[in-house]
């Protein structure tokens, strides 16, 4: 019997349009894989979503990005409904979206990230931060939405009060010069390292989705040590956060520093973009799995994560955090 898959697209985050566009590729690929696909354009309307998921599909393919889609909200709804879904569960999704928390968790398993802190929007506007260069970003957004770099000599604020639509808190980090690296992890196994060469100063939202000059070097040209360390770090972060399915870890690499001292974890994306040309799938394809096979694999391994599994994951995080304090 053909498996019925509900493909969730859209959502209400700043990445709604990206989800709609990439969802077309996922839909076509799932149909090619032999699945019966029902596309649901998700709005911030729970009764409508539940109605669209009635009768229950066999699997939900979660293709939502940003708030509501990859922060644990939609995952919690699907857990309650008892419908298996792709990618990470409630707790991992929430922790992965929370950049300050994911940085702290990475540190418990020996993965460094740029020094930083959470500041109020008022302090950012007042300039009470750290010596430049530094980065300001929303604590809980994806796709580099809202990221600004403050360079030495800048005579303007990174944003104004009216344009900052991401809440009262701002994550402030030391800017790491050098190279942009990213590693996809599938079922706990790091796939490859891609270097992103952006022409816009850093890999921001514009560079990701609109600038055709952005280059993706796969595999990244690195020393064997740095390449293997990036793979190892990505697996460590994926596992401590408790991810499932496909995720992607982003790094900065200052190659002026010795060895792995210059490799810094920035964030994890528990819901990476899904087209054959997207960064994470391209690494899986590089290793020999087709995009059709990848999407089919995500469907066939979809699950409800359950309270017991979530509690085990929470206990693991608590143990690692306690080890670091000891």
Protein backbone atom coordinates (compact mmCIF):
# COMPACT_ATOMS: atom_id res chain seq x y z
CA UNK A 1 0.00 0.00 0.00
CA UNK A 2 1.34 3.46 -0.93
CA UNK A 3 2.42 5.47 2.09
CA UNK A 4 0.53 8.74 2.55
CA UNK A 5 2.78 11.71 3.34
CA UNK A 6 1.59 15.15 4.47
CA UNK A 7 4.15 17.73 3.35
CA UNK A 8 4.11 20.84 5.55
CA UNK A 9 5.17 24.05 3.81
CA UNK A 10 4.84 27.78 4.41
CA UNK A 11 4.45 28.58 8.08
CA UNK A 12 4.45 32.08 9.56
CA UNK A 13 8.14 32.80 10.09
CA UNK A 14 10.44 35.14 8.18
CA UNK A 15 11.37 32.09 6.09
CA UNK A 16 7.86 31.34 4.82
CA UNK A 17 8.66 32.00 1.18
CA UNK A 18 11.80 29.87 1.31
CA UNK A 19 9.74 26.98 2.68
CA UNK A 20 7.16 27.33 -0.09
CA UNK A 21 9.80 27.39 -2.81
CA UNK A 22 11.88 24.49 -1.50
CA UNK A 23 8.72 22.54 -0.76
CA UNK A 24 8.08 22.22 -4.50
CA UNK A 25 11.32 20.27 -4.90
CA UNK A 26 10.47 18.01 -1.96
CA UNK A 27 6.97 17.38 -3.30
CA UNK A 28 8.25 16.41 -6.75
CA UNK A 29 10.91 14.16 -5.24
CA UNK A 30 8.51 12.38 -2.89
CA UNK A 31 6.12 11.72 -5.76
CA UNK A 32 9.05 10.37 -7.76
CA UNK A 33 9.80 8.10 -4.81
CA UNK A 34 6.30 6.64 -5.04
CA UNK A 35 4.59 8.39 -2.14
CA UNK A 36 1.05 9.76 -2.04
CA UNK A 37 1.72 13.41 -1.14
CA UNK A 38 -0.72 15.92 0.34
CA UNK A 39 0.75 19.45 0.52
CA UNK A 40 -0.44 21.56 3.47
CA UNK A 41 0.26 25.30 3.53
CA UNK A 42 0.56 25.85 7.27
CA UNK A 43 -0.77 29.06 8.79
CA UNK A 44 -0.90 30.08 12.45
CA UNK A 45 -4.25 28.32 12.81
CA UNK A 46 -4.17 25.10 14.83
CA UNK A 47 -7.76 23.93 14.16
CA UNK A 48 -7.18 24.26 10.40
CA UNK A 49 -3.95 22.29 10.63
CA UNK A 50 -5.58 19.51 12.63
CA UNK A 51 -8.41 19.38 10.09
CA UNK A 52 -5.90 19.12 7.25
CA UNK A 53 -4.19 16.23 9.07
CA UNK A 54 -7.48 14.35 9.47
CA UNK A 55 -7.57 11.47 8.70
CA UNK A 56 -4.00 11.03 9.87
CA UNK A 57 -1.32 10.56 7.22
CA UNK A 58 1.27 7.85 7.70
CA UNK A 59 4.05 10.44 7.99
CA UNK A 60 4.45 14.21 8.14
CA UNK A 61 7.36 15.57 6.14
CA UNK A 62 8.25 18.77 7.96
CA UNK A 63 9.48 21.37 5.48
CA UNK A 64 8.83 24.39 7.70
CA UNK A 65 11.67 26.76 8.59
CA UNK A 66 12.19 29.30 11.36
CA UNK A 67 9.89 30.04 14.27
CA UNK A 68 6.97 27.66 14.58
CA UNK A 69 8.52 25.18 12.18
CA UNK A 70 11.87 24.16 13.62
CA UNK A 71 11.74 25.38 17.22
CA UNK A 72 9.66 22.57 18.69
CA UNK A 73 6.19 24.08 18.18
CA UNK A 74 4.99 22.04 15.21
CA UNK A 75 6.84 19.02 16.59
CA UNK A 76 4.84 19.24 19.83
CA UNK A 77 1.57 19.32 17.88
CA UNK A 78 2.57 16.22 15.91
CA UNK A 79 3.63 14.42 19.10
CA UNK A 80 0.20 15.08 20.60
CA UNK A 81 -1.51 13.87 17.42
CA UNK A 82 0.70 10.79 17.33
CA UNK A 83 1.86 11.31 13.74
CA UNK A 84 5.47 10.32 12.91
CA UNK A 85 7.45 13.24 11.46
CA UNK A 86 10.80 13.89 9.86
CA UNK A 87 13.83 15.55 11.45
CA UNK A 88 14.38 16.28 15.14
CA UNK A 89 11.95 16.05 18.03
CA UNK A 90 10.51 18.72 20.31
CA UNK A 91 13.42 19.12 22.72
CA UNK A 92 16.21 18.95 20.13
CA UNK A 93 14.40 21.37 17.85
CA UNK A 94 13.91 23.87 20.68
CA UNK A 95 17.52 23.61 21.86
CA UNK A 96 18.91 23.79 18.35
CA UNK A 97 16.97 26.96 17.56
CA UNK A 98 18.15 28.59 20.79
CA UNK A 99 21.63 29.75 19.77
CA UNK A 100 22.92 30.71 23.25
CA UNK A 101 21.82 27.35 24.62
CA UNK A 102 23.23 25.32 21.72
CA UNK A 103 26.58 27.12 22.14
CA UNK A 104 26.66 26.16 25.83
CA UNK A 105 25.79 22.55 25.01
CA UNK A 106 28.53 22.43 22.37
CA UNK A 107 31.04 23.57 24.97
CA UNK A 108 30.08 20.64 27.25
CA UNK A 109 31.42 18.23 24.59
CA UNK A 110 34.60 20.17 23.88
CA UNK A 111 33.46 22.27 20.93
CA UNK A 112 34.34 25.95 21.24
CA UNK A 113 32.18 28.79 19.98
CA UNK A 114 32.85 32.54 19.78
CA UNK A 115 32.82 34.37 23.11
CA UNK A 116 29.54 36.15 23.56
CA UNK A 117 26.54 36.98 25.70
CA UNK A 118 22.88 37.89 25.46
CA UNK A 119 22.28 41.64 25.71
CA UNK A 120 19.19 43.78 25.78
CA UNK A 121 18.17 45.64 22.66
CA UNK A 122 18.67 48.88 24.59
CA UNK A 123 22.30 48.00 25.41
CA UNK A 124 23.00 47.21 21.76
CA UNK A 125 21.61 50.56 20.68
CA UNK A 126 23.65 52.27 23.41
CA UNK A 127 26.83 50.55 22.24
CA UNK A 128 27.50 48.88 25.63
CA UNK A 129 28.87 45.66 24.20
CA UNK A 130 32.43 44.59 23.30
CA UNK A 131 35.26 45.99 21.21
CA UNK A 132 34.58 45.54 17.49
CA UNK A 133 34.48 43.56 15.35
CA UNK A 134 31.51 41.71 16.77
CA UNK A 135 28.29 40.13 15.53
CA UNK A 136 24.74 40.75 16.70
CA UNK A 137 21.96 38.31 15.87
CA UNK A 138 18.55 37.18 17.10
CA UNK A 139 18.94 34.41 19.69
CA UNK A 140 16.24 32.26 18.04
CA UNK A 141 16.02 32.69 14.27
CA UNK A 142 17.36 30.71 11.32
CA UNK A 143 18.88 31.41 7.89
CA UNK A 144 21.01 34.30 9.22
CA UNK A 145 17.86 36.40 9.57
CA UNK A 146 18.68 39.64 11.40
CA UNK A 147 22.45 39.04 11.60
CA UNK A 148 24.63 42.18 11.58
CA UNK A 149 28.41 42.61 11.81
CA UNK A 150 29.84 45.66 13.57
CA UNK A 151 33.33 46.48 12.27
CA UNK A 152 35.97 48.73 13.78
CA UNK A 153 35.32 52.28 12.64
CA UNK A 154 31.61 51.84 11.94
CA UNK A 155 29.83 55.05 12.83
CA UNK A 156 26.31 53.65 12.83
CA UNK A 157 24.29 51.26 14.94
CA UNK A 158 23.84 47.65 13.72
CA UNK A 159 20.08 48.27 13.64
CA UNK A 160 17.51 50.79 14.78
CA UNK A 161 14.77 50.15 17.30
CA UNK A 162 12.02 50.07 14.67
CA UNK A 163 13.73 47.60 12.31
CA UNK A 164 14.58 44.99 14.98
CA UNK A 165 11.58 42.65 14.96
CA UNK A 166 13.12 39.80 16.94
CA UNK A 167 12.30 40.58 20.55
CA UNK A 168 14.07 42.36 23.39
CA UNK A 169 17.16 40.16 23.50
CA UNK A 170 20.17 40.12 21.18
CA UNK A 171 22.99 37.59 20.98
CA UNK A 172 26.35 39.37 20.78
CA UNK A 173 29.44 37.40 19.68
CA UNK A 174 33.06 38.12 18.88
CA UNK A 175 33.51 38.14 15.11
CA UNK A 176 35.75 35.30 13.92
CA UNK A 177 37.71 36.23 10.79
CA UNK A 178 38.46 33.62 8.17
CA UNK A 179 36.45 30.96 6.38
CA UNK A 180 32.83 29.79 6.51
CA UNK A 181 32.47 26.00 6.84
CA UNK A 182 29.42 23.81 7.18
CA UNK A 183 28.89 20.10 7.88
CA UNK A 184 25.74 18.06 7.34
CA UNK A 185 24.96 15.20 9.71
CA UNK A 186 22.58 12.39 8.76
CA UNK A 187 21.50 9.95 11.48
CA UNK A 188 24.49 10.92 13.58
CA UNK A 189 27.07 10.55 10.79
CA UNK A 190 28.85 13.66 9.48
CA UNK A 191 28.75 13.76 5.69
CA UNK A 192 31.37 16.20 4.41
CA UNK A 193 32.70 19.74 4.83
CA UNK A 194 31.61 22.52 2.46
CA UNK A 195 33.30 25.91 2.36
CA UNK A 196 30.97 28.80 1.58
CA UNK A 197 32.59 31.68 -0.26
CA UNK A 198 30.26 34.67 -0.02
CA UNK A 199 30.63 37.93 -1.91
CA UNK A 200 28.53 39.88 0.61
CA UNK A 201 31.00 39.92 3.51
CA UNK A 202 29.44 36.93 5.27
CA UNK A 203 26.87 34.22 4.55
CA UNK A 204 23.76 36.25 5.30
CA UNK A 205 20.17 35.75 4.13
CA UNK A 206 20.89 37.59 0.88
CA UNK A 207 23.91 35.41 0.12
CA UNK A 208 21.97 32.23 0.91
CA UNK A 209 18.95 32.81 -1.26
CA UNK A 210 19.54 35.62 -3.74
CA UNK A 211 23.22 36.18 -4.52
CA UNK A 212 24.21 33.91 -7.42
CA UNK A 213 27.89 34.73 -6.84
CA UNK A 214 28.03 32.65 -3.64
CA UNK A 215 30.34 29.66 -4.17
CA UNK A 216 30.13 26.29 -2.46
CA UNK A 217 33.37 24.30 -2.39
CA UNK A 218 32.68 20.60 -1.78
CA UNK A 219 34.78 19.10 -0.37
CA UNK A 220 36.38 22.09 1.32
CA UNK A 221 40.11 22.42 0.71
CA UNK A 222 41.48 22.03 4.23
CA UNK A 223 44.21 20.15 6.03
CA UNK A 224 43.24 16.59 6.92
CA UNK A 225 43.26 17.51 10.62
CA UNK A 226 40.86 20.45 10.28
CA UNK A 227 38.58 18.52 7.92
CA UNK A 228 38.29 15.58 10.32
CA UNK A 229 37.89 17.90 13.32
CA UNK A 230 34.99 19.71 11.66
CA UNK A 231 33.29 16.35 11.02
CA UNK A 232 33.91 15.28 14.62
CA UNK A 233 32.65 18.55 16.09
CA UNK A 234 29.47 18.39 14.01
CA UNK A 235 28.72 14.88 15.25
CA UNK A 236 29.35 15.91 18.86
CA UNK A 237 26.94 18.84 18.63
CA UNK A 238 24.29 16.81 16.77
CA UNK A 239 24.42 14.10 19.44
CA UNK A 240 24.45 16.31 22.55
CA UNK A 241 21.43 18.22 21.26
CA UNK A 242 19.73 14.93 20.41
CA UNK A 243 18.99 15.56 16.76
CA UNK A 244 17.43 13.06 14.36
CA UNK A 245 17.43 12.76 10.60
CA UNK A 246 19.29 15.49 8.73
CA UNK A 247 20.85 18.54 10.37
CA UNK A 248 23.69 20.95 9.57
CA UNK A 249 26.37 22.58 11.73
CA UNK A 250 27.96 25.90 10.75
CA UNK A 251 31.48 26.93 11.69
CA UNK A 252 33.97 29.77 11.27
CA UNK A 253 37.61 28.85 10.76
CA UNK A 254 40.41 31.32 11.45
CA UNK A 255 43.29 29.67 9.59
CA UNK A 256 45.78 32.10 11.14
CA UNK A 257 45.55 30.11 14.38
CA UNK A 258 47.33 26.84 14.98
CA UNK A 259 45.50 23.58 14.37
CA UNK A 260 41.90 23.36 15.47
CA UNK A 261 42.25 26.43 17.75
CA UNK A 262 40.73 28.48 14.94
CA UNK A 263 37.62 26.31 14.42
CA UNK A 264 34.51 27.76 16.08
CA UNK A 265 30.96 26.39 16.15
CA UNK A 266 28.32 29.00 15.28
CA UNK A 267 24.99 27.21 15.22
CA UNK A 268 23.11 24.06 14.29
CA UNK A 269 20.24 23.96 11.82
CA UNK A 270 17.92 21.07 12.66
CA UNK A 271 15.80 21.72 9.57
CA UNK A 272 18.25 22.45 6.72
CA UNK A 273 17.09 23.45 3.25
CA UNK A 274 16.01 20.56 1.07
CA UNK A 275 16.64 20.69 -2.65
CA UNK A 276 19.22 18.63 -4.50
CA UNK A 277 21.39 21.77 -4.66
CA UNK A 278 21.01 22.75 -1.00
CA UNK A 279 24.11 22.46 1.16
CA UNK A 280 23.15 19.52 3.37
CA UNK A 281 21.59 17.31 0.66
CA UNK A 282 24.50 18.06 -1.68
CA UNK A 283 26.87 16.51 0.87
CA UNK A 284 24.70 13.40 1.13
CA UNK A 285 24.58 13.21 -2.67
CA UNK A 286 28.37 13.63 -2.74
CA UNK A 287 28.58 10.45 -0.65
CA UNK A 288 26.50 8.48 -3.15
CA UNK A 289 22.85 8.77 -2.05
CA UNK A 290 20.45 10.36 -4.52
CA UNK A 291 18.09 13.16 -3.49
CA UNK A 292 15.13 10.84 -4.04
CA UNK A 293 16.75 8.24 -1.80
CA UNK A 294 17.48 10.89 0.87
CA UNK A 295 13.90 12.17 0.99
CA UNK A 296 12.60 8.59 1.02
CA UNK A 297 14.99 7.74 3.84
CA UNK A 298 13.70 10.68 5.88
CA UNK A 299 10.14 9.45 5.37
CA UNK A 300 10.95 5.86 6.26
CA UNK A 301 12.83 6.85 9.44
CA UNK A 302 10.26 9.43 10.59
CA UNK A 303 9.11 8.98 14.17
CA UNK A 304 7.33 10.35 17.19
CA UNK A 305 10.03 10.88 19.77
CA UNK A 306 7.86 10.28 22.82
CA UNK A 307 8.11 11.47 26.41
CA UNK A 308 10.50 8.71 27.49
CA UNK A 309 12.99 9.46 24.73
CA UNK A 310 12.80 13.19 25.43
CA UNK A 311 13.43 12.56 29.14
CA UNK A 312 16.49 10.42 28.32
CA UNK A 313 17.80 13.19 26.12
CA UNK A 314 17.26 15.77 28.87
CA UNK A 315 19.13 13.52 31.33
CA UNK A 316 22.07 13.25 28.91
CA UNK A 317 22.27 17.02 28.60
CA UNK A 318 22.10 17.41 32.38
CA UNK A 319 24.94 14.90 32.88
CA UNK A 320 27.22 16.59 30.35
CA UNK A 321 26.52 20.00 31.85
CA UNK A 322 27.32 18.70 35.34
CA UNK A 323 30.60 17.18 34.08
CA UNK A 324 31.68 20.57 32.76
CA UNK A 325 30.92 22.23 36.09
CA UNK A 326 32.86 19.61 38.07
